[in-house]
Amino acid sequence: MQYAEIIVAVLGAFALAWTADQLTGRRGLFATSLVSGVAAVAGWFLAVRVFAVSTTDQWTWVGWSLVASALALATFFLFRNKR
């Protein structure tokens, strides 16, 4: 399948967002999905364009995207306002 890497990265980022939303009990899936998606794109950008450790045809950047997404979700919940 030609775009399998992209599909796996999108589903993985959404799964991380859904898991983070369920673990925190916030029920704000849109916010966590937005944070996770933007971080996944940033992870792709770092892997492919900045450090050039892979190309878009390889699977290495998917790991970078998911790690960036997990880090962004952790910092999102760490530095979020607690009214």
PDB file of N, CA and C in Angstrom:
ATOM      1  N   MET A   1       0.840  -1.175   0.000  1.00  0.00           N
ATOM      2  CA  MET A   1       0.000   0.000   0.000  1.00  0.00           C
ATOM      3  C   MET A   1       0.884   1.236   0.000  1.00  0.00           C
ATOM      4  N   GLN A   2       0.568   2.182  -0.830  1.00  0.00           N
ATOM      5  CA  GLN A   2       1.464   3.304  -1.075  1.00  0.00           C
ATOM      6  C   GLN A   2       1.553   4.265   0.100  1.00  0.00           C
ATOM      7  N   TYR A   3       0.480   4.548   0.775  1.00  0.00           N
ATOM      8  CA  TYR A   3       0.478   5.530   1.848  1.00  0.00           C
ATOM      9  C   TYR A   3       0.288   4.894   3.220  1.00  0.00           C
ATOM     10  N   ALA A   4       0.768   3.694   3.403  1.00  0.00           N
ATOM     11  CA  ALA A   4       0.578   2.979   4.669  1.00  0.00           C
ATOM     12  C   ALA A   4       1.258   3.690   5.824  1.00  0.00           C
ATOM     13  N   GLU A   5       2.432   4.291   5.587  1.00  0.00           N
ATOM     14  CA  GLU A   5       3.139   4.991   6.658  1.00  0.00           C
ATOM     15  C   GLU A   5       2.327   6.166   7.177  1.00  0.00           C
ATOM     16  N   ILE A   6       1.739   6.899   6.271  1.00  0.00           N
ATOM     17  CA  ILE A   6       0.951   8.073   6.657  1.00  0.00           C
ATOM     18  C   ILE A   6      -0.291   7.649   7.431  1.00  0.00           C
ATOM     19  N   ILE A   7      -0.938   6.591   6.982  1.00  0.00           N
ATOM     20  CA  ILE A   7      -2.139   6.107   7.662  1.00  0.00           C
ATOM     21  C   ILE A   7      -1.799   5.631   9.072  1.00  0.00           C
ATOM     22  N   VAL A   8      -0.695   4.908   9.208  1.00  0.00           N
ATOM     23  CA  VAL A   8      -0.278   4.435  10.530  1.00  0.00           C
ATOM     24  C   VAL A   8       0.081   5.606  11.436  1.00  0.00           C
ATOM     25  N   ALA A   9       0.745   6.624  10.903  1.00  0.00           N
ATOM     26  CA  ALA A   9       1.109   7.796  11.714  1.00  0.00           C
ATOM     27  C   ALA A   9      -0.131   8.553  12.178  1.00  0.00           C
ATOM     28  N   VAL A  10      -1.107   8.726  11.305  1.00  0.00           N
ATOM     29  CA  VAL A  10      -2.339   9.439  11.679  1.00  0.00           C
ATOM     30  C   VAL A  10      -3.117   8.647  12.723  1.00  0.00           C
ATOM     31  N   LEU A  11      -3.268   7.355  12.493  1.00  0.00           N
ATOM     32  CA  LEU A  11      -3.992   6.527  13.461  1.00  0.00           C
ATOM     33  C   LEU A  11      -3.250   6.436  14.789  1.00  0.00           C
ATOM     34  N   GLY A  12      -1.936   6.375  14.741  1.00  0.00           N
ATOM     35  CA  GLY A  12      -1.146   6.339  15.967  1.00  0.00           C
ATOM     36  C   GLY A  12      -1.253   7.627  16.760  1.00  0.00           C
ATOM     37  N   ALA A  13      -1.221   8.765  16.075  1.00  0.00           N
ATOM     38  CA  ALA A  13      -1.356  10.052  16.761  1.00  0.00           C
ATOM     39  C   ALA A  13      -2.747  10.186  17.380  1.00  0.00           C
ATOM     40  N   PHE A  14      -3.762   9.723  16.667  1.00  0.00           N
ATOM     41  CA  PHE A  14      -5.116   9.786  17.225  1.00  0.00           C
ATOM     42  C   PHE A  14      -5.268   8.827  18.396  1.00  0.00           C
ATOM     43  N   ALA A  15      -4.659   7.659  18.304  1.00  0.00           N
ATOM     44  CA  ALA A  15      -4.723   6.706  19.414  1.00  0.00           C
ATOM     45  C   ALA A  15      -4.022   7.255  20.653  1.00  0.00           C
ATOM     46  N   LEU A  16      -2.897   7.929  20.460  1.00  0.00           N
ATOM     47  CA  LEU A  16      -2.225   8.559  21.596  1.00  0.00           C
ATOM     48  C   LEU A  16      -3.084   9.656  22.207  1.00  0.00           C
ATOM     49  N   ALA A  17      -3.740  10.451  21.365  1.00  0.00           N
ATOM     50  CA  ALA A  17      -4.607  11.516  21.864  1.00  0.00           C
ATOM     51  C   ALA A  17      -5.792  10.934  22.618  1.00  0.00           C
ATOM     52  N   TRP A  18      -6.388   9.892  22.083  1.00  0.00           N
ATOM     53  CA  TRP A  18      -7.539   9.276  22.743  1.00  0.00           C
ATOM     54  C   TRP A  18      -7.133   8.654  24.078  1.00  0.00           C
ATOM     55  N   THR A  19      -5.969   7.993  24.098  1.00  0.00           N
ATOM     56  CA  THR A  19      -5.485   7.388  25.333  1.00  0.00           C
ATOM     57  C   THR A  19      -5.183   8.446  26.388  1.00  0.00           C
ATOM     58  N   ALA A  20      -4.541   9.528  25.977  1.00  0.00           N
ATOM     59  CA  ALA A  20      -4.249  10.606  26.930  1.00  0.00           C
ATOM     60  C   ALA A  20      -5.531  11.234  27.450  1.00  0.00           C
ATOM     61  N   ASP A  21      -6.514  11.374  26.591  1.00  0.00           N
ATOM     62  CA  ASP A  21      -7.792  11.947  27.016  1.00  0.00           C
ATOM     63  C   ASP A  21      -8.498  11.029  28.003  1.00  0.00           C
ATOM     64  N   GLN A  22      -8.450   9.744  27.768  1.00  0.00           N
ATOM     65  CA  GLN A  22      -9.093   8.794  28.670  1.00  0.00           C
ATOM     66  C   GLN A  22      -8.357   8.688  30.007  1.00  0.00           C
ATOM     67  N   LEU A  23      -7.036   8.731  29.972  1.00  0.00           N
ATOM     68  CA  LEU A  23      -6.272   8.612  31.212  1.00  0.00           C
ATOM     69  C   LEU A  23      -6.436   9.827  32.113  1.00  0.00           C
ATOM     70  N   THR A  24      -6.586  10.996  31.522  1.00  0.00           N
ATOM     71  CA  THR A  24      -6.726  12.202  32.336  1.00  0.00           C
ATOM     72  C   THR A  24      -8.168  12.476  32.710  1.00  0.00           C
ATOM     73  N   GLY A  25      -9.114  11.848  32.018  1.00  0.00           N
ATOM     74  CA  GLY A  25     -10.523  12.044  32.343  1.00  0.00           C
ATOM     75  C   GLY A  25     -11.055  13.409  31.995  1.00  0.00           C
ATOM     76  N   ARG A  26     -10.451  14.082  31.063  1.00  0.00           N
ATOM     77  CA  ARG A  26     -10.840  15.453  30.720  1.00  0.00           C
ATOM     78  C   ARG A  26     -11.993  15.510  29.724  1.00  0.00           C
ATOM     79  N   ARG A  27     -12.085  14.546  28.867  1.00  0.00           N
ATOM     80  CA  ARG A  27     -13.091  14.508  27.801  1.00  0.00           C
ATOM     81  C   ARG A  27     -12.955  15.681  26.834  1.00  0.00           C
ATOM     82  N   GLY A  28     -11.735  16.091  26.568  1.00  0.00           N
ATOM     83  CA  GLY A  28     -11.466  17.153  25.612  1.00  0.00           C
ATOM     84  C   GLY A  28     -10.706  16.577  24.432  1.00  0.00           C
ATOM     85  N   LEU A  29     -11.347  15.711  23.687  1.00  0.00           N
ATOM     86  CA  LEU A  29     -10.667  14.984  22.619  1.00  0.00           C
ATOM     87  C   LEU A  29     -10.192  15.908  21.500  1.00  0.00           C
ATOM     88  N   PHE A  30     -10.893  16.995  21.257  1.00  0.00           N
ATOM     89  CA  PHE A  30     -10.459  17.907  20.195  1.00  0.00           C
ATOM     90  C   PHE A  30      -9.114  18.531  20.535  1.00  0.00           C
ATOM     91  N   ALA A  31      -8.953  18.985  21.768  1.00  0.00           N
ATOM     92  CA  ALA A  31      -7.694  19.634  22.166  1.00  0.00           C
ATOM     93  C   ALA A  31      -6.537  18.647  22.131  1.00  0.00           C
ATOM     94  N   THR A  32      -6.748  17.460  22.656  1.00  0.00           N
ATOM     95  CA  THR A  32      -5.665  16.483  22.643  1.00  0.00           C
ATOM     96  C   THR A  32      -5.358  16.008  21.225  1.00  0.00           C
ATOM     97  N   SER A  33      -6.364  15.909  20.387  1.00  0.00           N
ATOM     98  CA  SER A  33      -6.123  15.529  18.988  1.00  0.00           C
ATOM     99  C   SER A  33      -5.346  16.610  18.249  1.00  0.00           C
ATOM    100  N   LEU A  34      -5.664  17.860  18.545  1.00  0.00           N
ATOM    101  CA  LEU A  34      -4.949  18.970  17.912  1.00  0.00           C
ATOM    102  C   LEU A  34      -3.483  18.986  18.332  1.00  0.00           C
ATOM    103  N   VAL A  35      -3.233  18.826  19.613  1.00  0.00           N
ATOM    104  CA  VAL A  35      -1.857  18.799  20.110  1.00  0.00           C
ATOM    105  C   VAL A  35      -1.103  17.613  19.518  1.00  0.00           C
ATOM    106  N   SER A  36      -1.727  16.462  19.516  1.00  0.00           N
ATOM    107  CA  SER A  36      -1.082  15.262  19.003  1.00  0.00           C
ATOM    108  C   SER A  36      -0.813  15.359  17.499  1.00  0.00           C
ATOM    109  N   GLY A  37      -1.760  15.888  16.749  1.00  0.00           N
ATOM    110  CA  GLY A  37      -1.580  16.016  15.304  1.00  0.00           C
ATOM    111  C   GLY A  37      -0.493  17.001  14.918  1.00  0.00           C
ATOM    112  N   VAL A  38      -0.469  18.143  15.591  1.00  0.00           N
ATOM    113  CA  VAL A  38       0.565  19.142  15.299  1.00  0.00           C
ATOM    114  C   VAL A  38       1.941  18.599  15.665  1.00  0.00           C
ATOM    115  N   ALA A  39       2.030  17.904  16.786  1.00  0.00           N
ATOM    116  CA  ALA A  39       3.312  17.326  17.191  1.00  0.00           C
ATOM    117  C   ALA A  39       3.748  16.216  16.242  1.00  0.00           C
ATOM    118  N   ALA A  40       2.805  15.456  15.724  1.00  0.00           N
ATOM    119  CA  ALA A  40       3.157  14.407  14.767  1.00  0.00           C
ATOM    120  C   ALA A  40       3.729  15.013  13.482  1.00  0.00           C
ATOM    121  N   VAL A  41       3.156  16.103  13.045  1.00  0.00           N
ATOM    122  CA  VAL A  41       3.694  16.795  11.862  1.00  0.00           C
ATOM    123  C   VAL A  41       5.077  17.360  12.174  1.00  0.00           C
ATOM    124  N   ALA A  42       5.252  17.885  13.383  1.00  0.00           N
ATOM    125  CA  ALA A  42       6.565  18.398  13.778  1.00  0.00           C
ATOM    126  C   ALA A  42       7.595  17.273  13.839  1.00  0.00           C
ATOM    127  N   GLY A  43       7.186  16.106  14.322  1.00  0.00           N
ATOM    128  CA  GLY A  43       8.093  14.957  14.346  1.00  0.00           C
ATOM    129  C   GLY A  43       8.485  14.521  12.943  1.00  0.00           C
ATOM    130  N   TRP A  44       7.523  14.531  12.030  1.00  0.00           N
ATOM    131  CA  TRP A  44       7.845  14.214  10.631  1.00  0.00           C
ATOM    132  C   TRP A  44       8.834  15.235  10.073  1.00  0.00           C
ATOM    133  N   PHE A  45       8.587  16.506  10.356  1.00  0.00           N
ATOM    134  CA  PHE A  45       9.453  17.570   9.843  1.00  0.00           C
ATOM    135  C   PHE A  45      10.875  17.427  10.374  1.00  0.00           C
ATOM    136  N   LEU A  46      11.001  17.110  11.657  1.00  0.00           N
ATOM    137  CA  LEU A  46      12.335  16.926  12.221  1.00  0.00           C
ATOM    138  C   LEU A  46      13.048  15.734  11.602  1.00  0.00           C
ATOM    139  N   ALA A  47      12.340  14.637  11.424  1.00  0.00           N
ATOM    140  CA  ALA A  47      12.971  13.423  10.900  1.00  0.00           C
ATOM    141  C   ALA A  47      13.326  13.538   9.424  1.00  0.00           C
ATOM    142  N   VAL A  48      12.446  14.149   8.648  1.00  0.00           N
ATOM    143  CA  VAL A  48      12.638  14.157   7.189  1.00  0.00           C
ATOM    144  C   VAL A  48      13.393  15.393   6.715  1.00  0.00           C
ATOM    145  N   ARG A  49      13.033  16.555   7.212  1.00  0.00           N
ATOM    146  CA  ARG A  49      13.600  17.783   6.671  1.00  0.00           C
ATOM    147  C   ARG A  49      14.787  18.327   7.449  1.00  0.00           C
ATOM    148  N   VAL A  50      14.771  18.219   8.768  1.00  0.00           N
ATOM    149  CA  VAL A  50      15.828  18.834   9.566  1.00  0.00           C
ATOM    150  C   VAL A  50      17.028  17.908   9.708  1.00  0.00           C
ATOM    151  N   PHE A  51      16.806  16.722  10.269  1.00  0.00           N
ATOM    152  CA  PHE A  51      17.918  15.813  10.522  1.00  0.00           C
ATOM    153  C   PHE A  51      18.165  14.828   9.382  1.00  0.00           C
ATOM    154  N   ALA A  52      17.235  14.688   8.481  1.00  0.00           N
ATOM    155  CA  ALA A  52      17.351  13.819   7.298  1.00  0.00           C
ATOM    156  C   ALA A  52      17.738  12.391   7.669  1.00  0.00           C
ATOM    157  N   VAL A  53      17.072  11.840   8.685  1.00  0.00           N
ATOM    158  CA  VAL A  53      17.345  10.461   9.075  1.00  0.00           C
ATOM    159  C   VAL A  53      16.521   9.471   8.258  1.00  0.00           C
ATOM    160  N   SER A  54      15.516   9.954   7.556  1.00  0.00           N
ATOM    161  CA  SER A  54      14.710   9.077   6.713  1.00  0.00           C
ATOM    162  C   SER A  54      14.033   9.901   5.627  1.00  0.00           C
ATOM    163  N   THR A  55      13.371   9.195   4.736  1.00  0.00           N
ATOM    164  CA  THR A  55      12.535   9.853   3.741  1.00  0.00           C
ATOM    165  C   THR A  55      11.086   9.519   4.057  1.00  0.00           C
ATOM    166  N   THR A  56      10.173  10.130   3.339  1.00  0.00           N
ATOM    167  CA  THR A  56       8.767   9.883   3.593  1.00  0.00           C
ATOM    168  C   THR A  56       8.367   8.463   3.196  1.00  0.00           C
ATOM    169  N   ASP A  57       9.173   7.807   2.373  1.00  0.00           N
ATOM    170  CA  ASP A  57       8.885   6.431   1.962  1.00  0.00           C
ATOM    171  C   ASP A  57       9.296   5.397   2.996  1.00  0.00           C
ATOM    172  N   GLN A  58      10.099   5.786   3.985  1.00  0.00           N
ATOM    173  CA  GLN A  58      10.573   4.856   4.998  1.00  0.00           C
ATOM    174  C   GLN A  58       9.695   4.927   6.243  1.00  0.00           C
ATOM    175  N   TRP A  59       9.897   3.974   7.150  1.00  0.00           N
ATOM    176  CA  TRP A  59       9.073   3.896   8.357  1.00  0.00           C
ATOM    177  C   TRP A  59       9.698   4.593   9.556  1.00  0.00           C
ATOM    178  N   THR A  60      10.921   5.056   9.447  1.00  0.00           N
ATOM    179  CA  THR A  60      11.607   5.660  10.580  1.00  0.00           C
ATOM    180  C   THR A  60      10.901   6.915  11.077  1.00  0.00           C
ATOM    181  N   TRP A  61      10.383   7.711  10.182  1.00  0.00           N
ATOM    182  CA  TRP A  61       9.762   8.972  10.584  1.00  0.00           C
ATOM    183  C   TRP A  61       8.476   8.755  11.364  1.00  0.00           C
ATOM    184  N   VAL A  62       7.849   7.609  11.207  1.00  0.00           N
ATOM    185  CA  VAL A  62       6.622   7.325  11.958  1.00  0.00           C
ATOM    186  C   VAL A  62       6.943   7.255  13.448  1.00  0.00           C
ATOM    187  N   GLY A  63       8.039   6.633  13.794  1.00  0.00           N
ATOM    188  CA  GLY A  63       8.469   6.596  15.190  1.00  0.00           C
ATOM    189  C   GLY A  63       8.766   7.975  15.735  1.00  0.00           C
ATOM    190  N   TRP A  64       9.432   8.785  14.927  1.00  0.00           N
ATOM    191  CA  TRP A  64       9.712  10.160  15.337  1.00  0.00           C
ATOM    192  C   TRP A  64       8.412  10.923  15.567  1.00  0.00           C
ATOM    193  N   SER A  65       7.447  10.725  14.710  1.00  0.00           N
ATOM    194  CA  SER A  65       6.166  11.420  14.857  1.00  0.00           C
ATOM    195  C   SER A  65       5.443  11.002  16.123  1.00  0.00           C
ATOM    196  N   LEU A  66       5.442   9.717  16.417  1.00  0.00           N
ATOM    197  CA  LEU A  66       4.742   9.238  17.603  1.00  0.00           C
ATOM    198  C   LEU A  66       5.450   9.643  18.889  1.00  0.00           C
ATOM    199  N   VAL A  67       6.768   9.670  18.877  1.00  0.00           N
ATOM    200  CA  VAL A  67       7.507  10.140  20.050  1.00  0.00           C
ATOM    201  C   VAL A  67       7.255  11.633  20.270  1.00  0.00           C
ATOM    202  N   ALA A  68       7.260  12.409  19.208  1.00  0.00           N
ATOM    203  CA  ALA A  68       6.975  13.839  19.333  1.00  0.00           C
ATOM    204  C   ALA A  68       5.557  14.065  19.830  1.00  0.00           C
ATOM    205  N   SER A  69       4.634  13.272  19.369  1.00  0.00           N
ATOM    206  CA  SER A  69       3.250  13.382  19.811  1.00  0.00           C
ATOM    207  C   SER A  69       3.121  13.061  21.297  1.00  0.00           C
ATOM    208  N   ALA A  70       3.782  12.013  21.750  1.00  0.00           N
ATOM    209  CA  ALA A  70       3.728  11.645  23.164  1.00  0.00           C
ATOM    210  C   ALA A  70       4.361  12.724  24.041  1.00  0.00           C
ATOM    211  N   LEU A  71       5.494  13.274  23.596  1.00  0.00           N
ATOM    212  CA  LEU A  71       6.131  14.348  24.361  1.00  0.00           C
ATOM    213  C   LEU A  71       5.257  15.597  24.421  1.00  0.00           C
ATOM    214  N   ALA A  72       4.630  15.937  23.328  1.00  0.00           N
ATOM    215  CA  ALA A  72       3.772  17.118  23.305  1.00  0.00           C
ATOM    216  C   ALA A  72       2.542  16.923  24.191  1.00  0.00           C
ATOM    217  N   LEU A  73       1.969  15.734  24.186  1.00  0.00           N
ATOM    218  CA  LEU A  73       0.824  15.476  25.057  1.00  0.00           C
ATOM    219  C   LEU A  73       1.224  15.535  26.525  1.00  0.00           C
ATOM    220  N   ALA A  74       2.403  15.031  26.852  1.00  0.00           N
ATOM    221  CA  ALA A  74       2.877  15.093  28.239  1.00  0.00           C
ATOM    222  C   ALA A  74       3.077  16.536  28.679  1.00  0.00           C
ATOM    223  N   THR A  75       3.681  17.350  27.832  1.00  0.00           N
ATOM    224  CA  THR A  75       3.880  18.754  28.203  1.00  0.00           C
ATOM    225  C   THR A  75       2.569  19.529  28.187  1.00  0.00           C
ATOM    226  N   PHE A  76       1.647  19.139  27.338  1.00  0.00           N
ATOM    227  CA  PHE A  76       0.334  19.786  27.311  1.00  0.00           C
ATOM    228  C   PHE A  76      -0.382  19.617  28.643  1.00  0.00           C
ATOM    229  N   PHE A  77      -0.366  18.408  29.171  1.00  0.00           N
ATOM    230  CA  PHE A  77      -1.038  18.178  30.447  1.00  0.00           C
ATOM    231  C   PHE A  77      -0.223  18.674  31.631  1.00  0.00           C
ATOM    232  N   LEU A  78       1.081  18.817  31.453  1.00  0.00           N
ATOM    233  CA  LEU A  78       1.929  19.309  32.533  1.00  0.00           C
ATOM    234  C   LEU A  78       1.780  20.824  32.725  1.00  0.00           C
ATOM    235  N   PHE A  79       1.731  21.567  31.618  1.00  0.00           N
ATOM    236  CA  PHE A  79       1.712  23.020  31.693  1.00  0.00           C
ATOM    237  C   PHE A  79       0.347  23.641  31.420  1.00  0.00           C
ATOM    238  N   ARG A  80      -0.680  22.854  31.415  1.00  0.00           N
ATOM    239  CA  ARG A  80      -2.017  23.345  31.151  1.00  0.00           C
ATOM    240  C   ARG A  80      -2.536  24.121  32.369  1.00  0.00           C
ATOM    241  N   ASN A  81      -3.371  25.114  32.132  1.00  0.00           N
ATOM    242  CA  ASN A  81      -3.972  25.880  33.236  1.00  0.00           C
ATOM    243  C   ASN A  81      -4.858  24.988  34.073  1.00  0.00           C
ATOM    244  N   LYS A  82      -4.778  25.159  35.362  1.00  0.00           N
ATOM    245  CA  LYS A  82      -5.637  24.393  36.280  1.00  0.00           C
ATOM    246  C   LYS A  82      -6.486  25.379  37.059  1.00  0.00           C
ATOM    247  N   ARG A  83      -7.539  25.803  36.484  1.00  0.00           N
ATOM    248  CA  ARG A  83      -8.384  26.846  37.085  1.00  0.00           C
ATOM    249  C   ARG A  83      -8.916  26.453  38.406  1.00  0.00           C
TER     250      ARG A  83
END
